[in-house]
């Protein structure tokens, strides 16, 4: 999982990659820290999908740009468009199903 620290980097990855799973977190969020290993494993299982993470405390502009109101927030982008959003209460299976469905459409 690729940690990014600039909003320009985030926008570039979203525009260039077919599918992006983006974790928006805060370092004080224990749930964010707990799900990171699961996302890393998911990234290994889906090599064609870009997995990125951002600490919104480092780049506060991301909160407004991507409408982040709760932690963790995971947004799945397909061909530059938001295709799934998971906030606060979700299962990793929800994300897995979304990624797999998008992969079947795109690849």
C-alpha atoms as a PDB file:
ATOM      1  CA  UNK A   1       0.000   0.000   0.000  1.00  0.00           C
ATOM      2  CA  UNK A   2       1.449   3.286  -1.136  1.00  0.00           C
ATOM      3  CA  UNK A   3       1.240   6.167   1.409  1.00  0.00           C
ATOM      4  CA  UNK A   4       0.834   9.562  -0.284  1.00  0.00           C
ATOM      5  CA  UNK A   5       1.405  12.974   1.292  1.00  0.00           C
ATOM      6  CA  UNK A   6       0.302  15.412  -1.404  1.00  0.00           C
ATOM      7  CA  UNK A   7      -3.147  15.916  -2.869  1.00  0.00           C
ATOM      8  CA  UNK A   8      -1.587  16.215  -6.333  1.00  0.00           C
ATOM      9  CA  UNK A   9      -0.132  12.714  -5.966  1.00  0.00           C
ATOM     10  CA  UNK A  10      -3.544  11.331  -5.000  1.00  0.00           C
ATOM     11  CA  UNK A  11      -5.237  12.951  -7.983  1.00  0.00           C
ATOM     12  CA  UNK A  12      -2.516  11.677 -10.328  1.00  0.00           C
ATOM     13  CA  UNK A  13      -2.866   8.060  -9.162  1.00  0.00           C
ATOM     14  CA  UNK A  14      -6.666   8.222  -9.409  1.00  0.00           C
ATOM     15  CA  UNK A  15      -6.491   9.601 -12.946  1.00  0.00           C
ATOM     16  CA  UNK A  16      -3.849   7.145 -14.217  1.00  0.00           C
ATOM     17  CA  UNK A  17      -4.884   3.835 -12.640  1.00  0.00           C
ATOM     18  CA  UNK A  18      -7.948   1.836 -13.708  1.00  0.00           C
ATOM     19  CA  UNK A  19      -8.927   0.912 -10.137  1.00  0.00           C
ATOM     20  CA  UNK A  20      -7.763   2.636  -6.956  1.00  0.00           C
ATOM     21  CA  UNK A  21      -8.585   1.739  -3.369  1.00  0.00           C
ATOM     22  CA  UNK A  22      -7.876   4.804  -1.228  1.00  0.00           C
ATOM     23  CA  UNK A  23      -7.734   4.740   2.571  1.00  0.00           C
ATOM     24  CA  UNK A  24      -8.267   8.153   4.144  1.00  0.00           C
ATOM     25  CA  UNK A  25      -7.235   7.968   7.772  1.00  0.00           C
ATOM     26  CA  UNK A  26      -5.910   9.775  10.786  1.00  0.00           C
ATOM     27  CA  UNK A  27      -2.928   8.467  12.742  1.00  0.00           C
ATOM     28  CA  UNK A  28      -4.990   8.620  15.932  1.00  0.00           C
ATOM     29  CA  UNK A  29      -7.575   6.236  14.408  1.00  0.00           C
ATOM     30  CA  UNK A  30      -6.984   2.768  15.850  1.00  0.00           C
ATOM     31  CA  UNK A  31      -9.413   1.149  13.404  1.00  0.00           C
ATOM     32  CA  UNK A  32      -7.439   2.650  10.509  1.00  0.00           C
ATOM     33  CA  UNK A  33      -4.265   1.096  11.869  1.00  0.00           C
ATOM     34  CA  UNK A  34      -6.009  -2.240  12.444  1.00  0.00           C
ATOM     35  CA  UNK A  35      -7.345  -2.581   8.876  1.00  0.00           C
ATOM     36  CA  UNK A  36      -4.094  -1.597   7.171  1.00  0.00           C
ATOM     37  CA  UNK A  37      -2.647  -5.159   7.220  1.00  0.00           C
ATOM     38  CA  UNK A  38      -5.883  -6.449   5.651  1.00  0.00           C
ATOM     39  CA  UNK A  39      -5.626  -3.846   2.893  1.00  0.00           C
ATOM     40  CA  UNK A  40      -1.973  -4.754   2.300  1.00  0.00           C
ATOM     41  CA  UNK A  41      -2.977  -8.409   1.918  1.00  0.00           C
ATOM     42  CA  UNK A  42      -5.808  -7.419  -0.434  1.00  0.00           C
ATOM     43  CA  UNK A  43      -3.313  -5.397  -2.496  1.00  0.00           C
ATOM     44  CA  UNK A  44      -1.170  -8.519  -2.904  1.00  0.00           C
ATOM     45  CA  UNK A  45      -4.227 -10.474  -4.079  1.00  0.00           C
ATOM     46  CA  UNK A  46      -5.170  -7.784  -6.636  1.00  0.00           C
ATOM     47  CA  UNK A  47      -1.921  -6.685  -8.348  1.00  0.00           C
ATOM     48  CA  UNK A  48      -3.742  -4.687 -11.061  1.00  0.00           C
ATOM     49  CA  UNK A  49      -5.391  -2.464  -8.433  1.00  0.00           C
ATOM     50  CA  UNK A  50      -3.596   0.510  -6.884  1.00  0.00           C
ATOM     51  CA  UNK A  51      -3.925   0.697  -3.097  1.00  0.00           C
ATOM     52  CA  UNK A  52      -3.036   4.059  -1.553  1.00  0.00           C
ATOM     53  CA  UNK A  53      -3.355   5.630   1.864  1.00  0.00           C
ATOM     54  CA  UNK A  54      -3.399   9.205   3.101  1.00  0.00           C
ATOM     55  CA  UNK A  55      -3.160  10.718   6.554  1.00  0.00           C
ATOM     56  CA  UNK A  56      -5.652  13.582   6.433  1.00  0.00           C
ATOM     57  CA  UNK A  57      -3.937  15.241   9.394  1.00  0.00           C
ATOM     58  CA  UNK A  58      -0.871  15.699   7.175  1.00  0.00           C
ATOM     59  CA  UNK A  59      -2.862  16.926   4.177  1.00  0.00           C
ATOM     60  CA  UNK A  60      -6.007  18.586   5.512  1.00  0.00           C
ATOM     61  CA  UNK A  61      -7.116  19.625   1.992  1.00  0.00           C
ATOM     62  CA  UNK A  62      -8.061  15.990   1.321  1.00  0.00           C
ATOM     63  CA  UNK A  63     -10.900  16.225   3.839  1.00  0.00           C
ATOM     64  CA  UNK A  64     -12.699  18.846   1.750  1.00  0.00           C
ATOM     65  CA  UNK A  65     -11.665  17.505  -1.638  1.00  0.00           C
ATOM     66  CA  UNK A  66     -12.968  13.988  -0.977  1.00  0.00           C
ATOM     67  CA  UNK A  67     -15.643  14.809   1.657  1.00  0.00           C
ATOM     68  CA  UNK A  68     -14.121  12.785   4.471  1.00  0.00           C
ATOM     69  CA  UNK A  69     -16.344  13.032   7.546  1.00  0.00           C
ATOM     70  CA  UNK A  70     -15.440   9.829   9.419  1.00  0.00           C
ATOM     71  CA  UNK A  71     -12.430   7.567   9.891  1.00  0.00           C
ATOM     72  CA  UNK A  72     -11.669   5.229   8.367  1.00  0.00           C
ATOM     73  CA  UNK A  73     -13.022   6.152   4.960  1.00  0.00           C
ATOM     74  CA  UNK A  74     -12.181   3.955   1.998  1.00  0.00           C
ATOM     75  CA  UNK A  75     -13.096   5.169  -1.466  1.00  0.00           C
ATOM     76  CA  UNK A  76     -12.832   2.886  -4.478  1.00  0.00           C
ATOM     77  CA  UNK A  77     -12.269   4.692  -7.774  1.00  0.00           C
ATOM     78  CA  UNK A  78     -12.778   3.074 -11.180  1.00  0.00           C
ATOM     79  CA  UNK A  79     -11.367   4.905 -14.182  1.00  0.00           C
ATOM     80  CA  UNK A  80     -11.194   8.134 -12.177  1.00  0.00           C
ATOM     81  CA  UNK A  81     -14.761   8.025 -10.825  1.00  0.00           C
ATOM     82  CA  UNK A  82     -15.875   7.192  -7.307  1.00  0.00           C
ATOM     83  CA  UNK A  83     -17.437   3.733  -7.485  1.00  0.00           C
ATOM     84  CA  UNK A  84     -17.696   2.792  -3.832  1.00  0.00           C
ATOM     85  CA  UNK A  85     -17.430   4.486  -0.451  1.00  0.00           C
ATOM     86  CA  UNK A  86     -17.048   2.786   2.913  1.00  0.00           C
ATOM     87  CA  UNK A  87     -17.121   4.871   6.085  1.00  0.00           C
ATOM     88  CA  UNK A  88     -16.659   3.934   9.698  1.00  0.00           C
ATOM     89  CA  UNK A  89     -18.691   0.682   9.785  1.00  0.00           C
ATOM     90  CA  UNK A  90     -18.013  -1.817   7.013  1.00  0.00           C
ATOM     91  CA  UNK A  91     -16.476  -5.212   6.481  1.00  0.00           C
ATOM     92  CA  UNK A  92     -13.375  -6.000   4.470  1.00  0.00           C
ATOM     93  CA  UNK A  93     -15.594  -8.373   2.482  1.00  0.00           C
ATOM     94  CA  UNK A  94     -17.577  -5.349   1.238  1.00  0.00           C
ATOM     95  CA  UNK A  95     -14.383  -3.857  -0.174  1.00  0.00           C
ATOM     96  CA  UNK A  96     -13.245  -7.201  -1.605  1.00  0.00           C
ATOM     97  CA  UNK A  97     -16.568  -7.680  -3.402  1.00  0.00           C
ATOM     98  CA  UNK A  98     -16.451  -4.157  -4.858  1.00  0.00           C
ATOM     99  CA  UNK A  99     -12.874  -4.569  -6.089  1.00  0.00           C
ATOM    100  CA  UNK A 100     -13.581  -8.000  -7.592  1.00  0.00           C
ATOM    101  CA  UNK A 101     -16.723  -6.741  -9.348  1.00  0.00           C
ATOM    102  CA  UNK A 102     -14.859  -3.771 -10.834  1.00  0.00           C
ATOM    103  CA  UNK A 103     -11.975  -5.994 -11.924  1.00  0.00           C
ATOM    104  CA  UNK A 104     -14.417  -8.246 -13.780  1.00  0.00           C
ATOM    105  CA  UNK A 105     -15.763  -5.226 -15.672  1.00  0.00           C
ATOM    106  CA  UNK A 106     -12.456  -3.525 -16.445  1.00  0.00           C
ATOM    107  CA  UNK A 107      -9.871  -6.294 -16.892  1.00  0.00           C
END
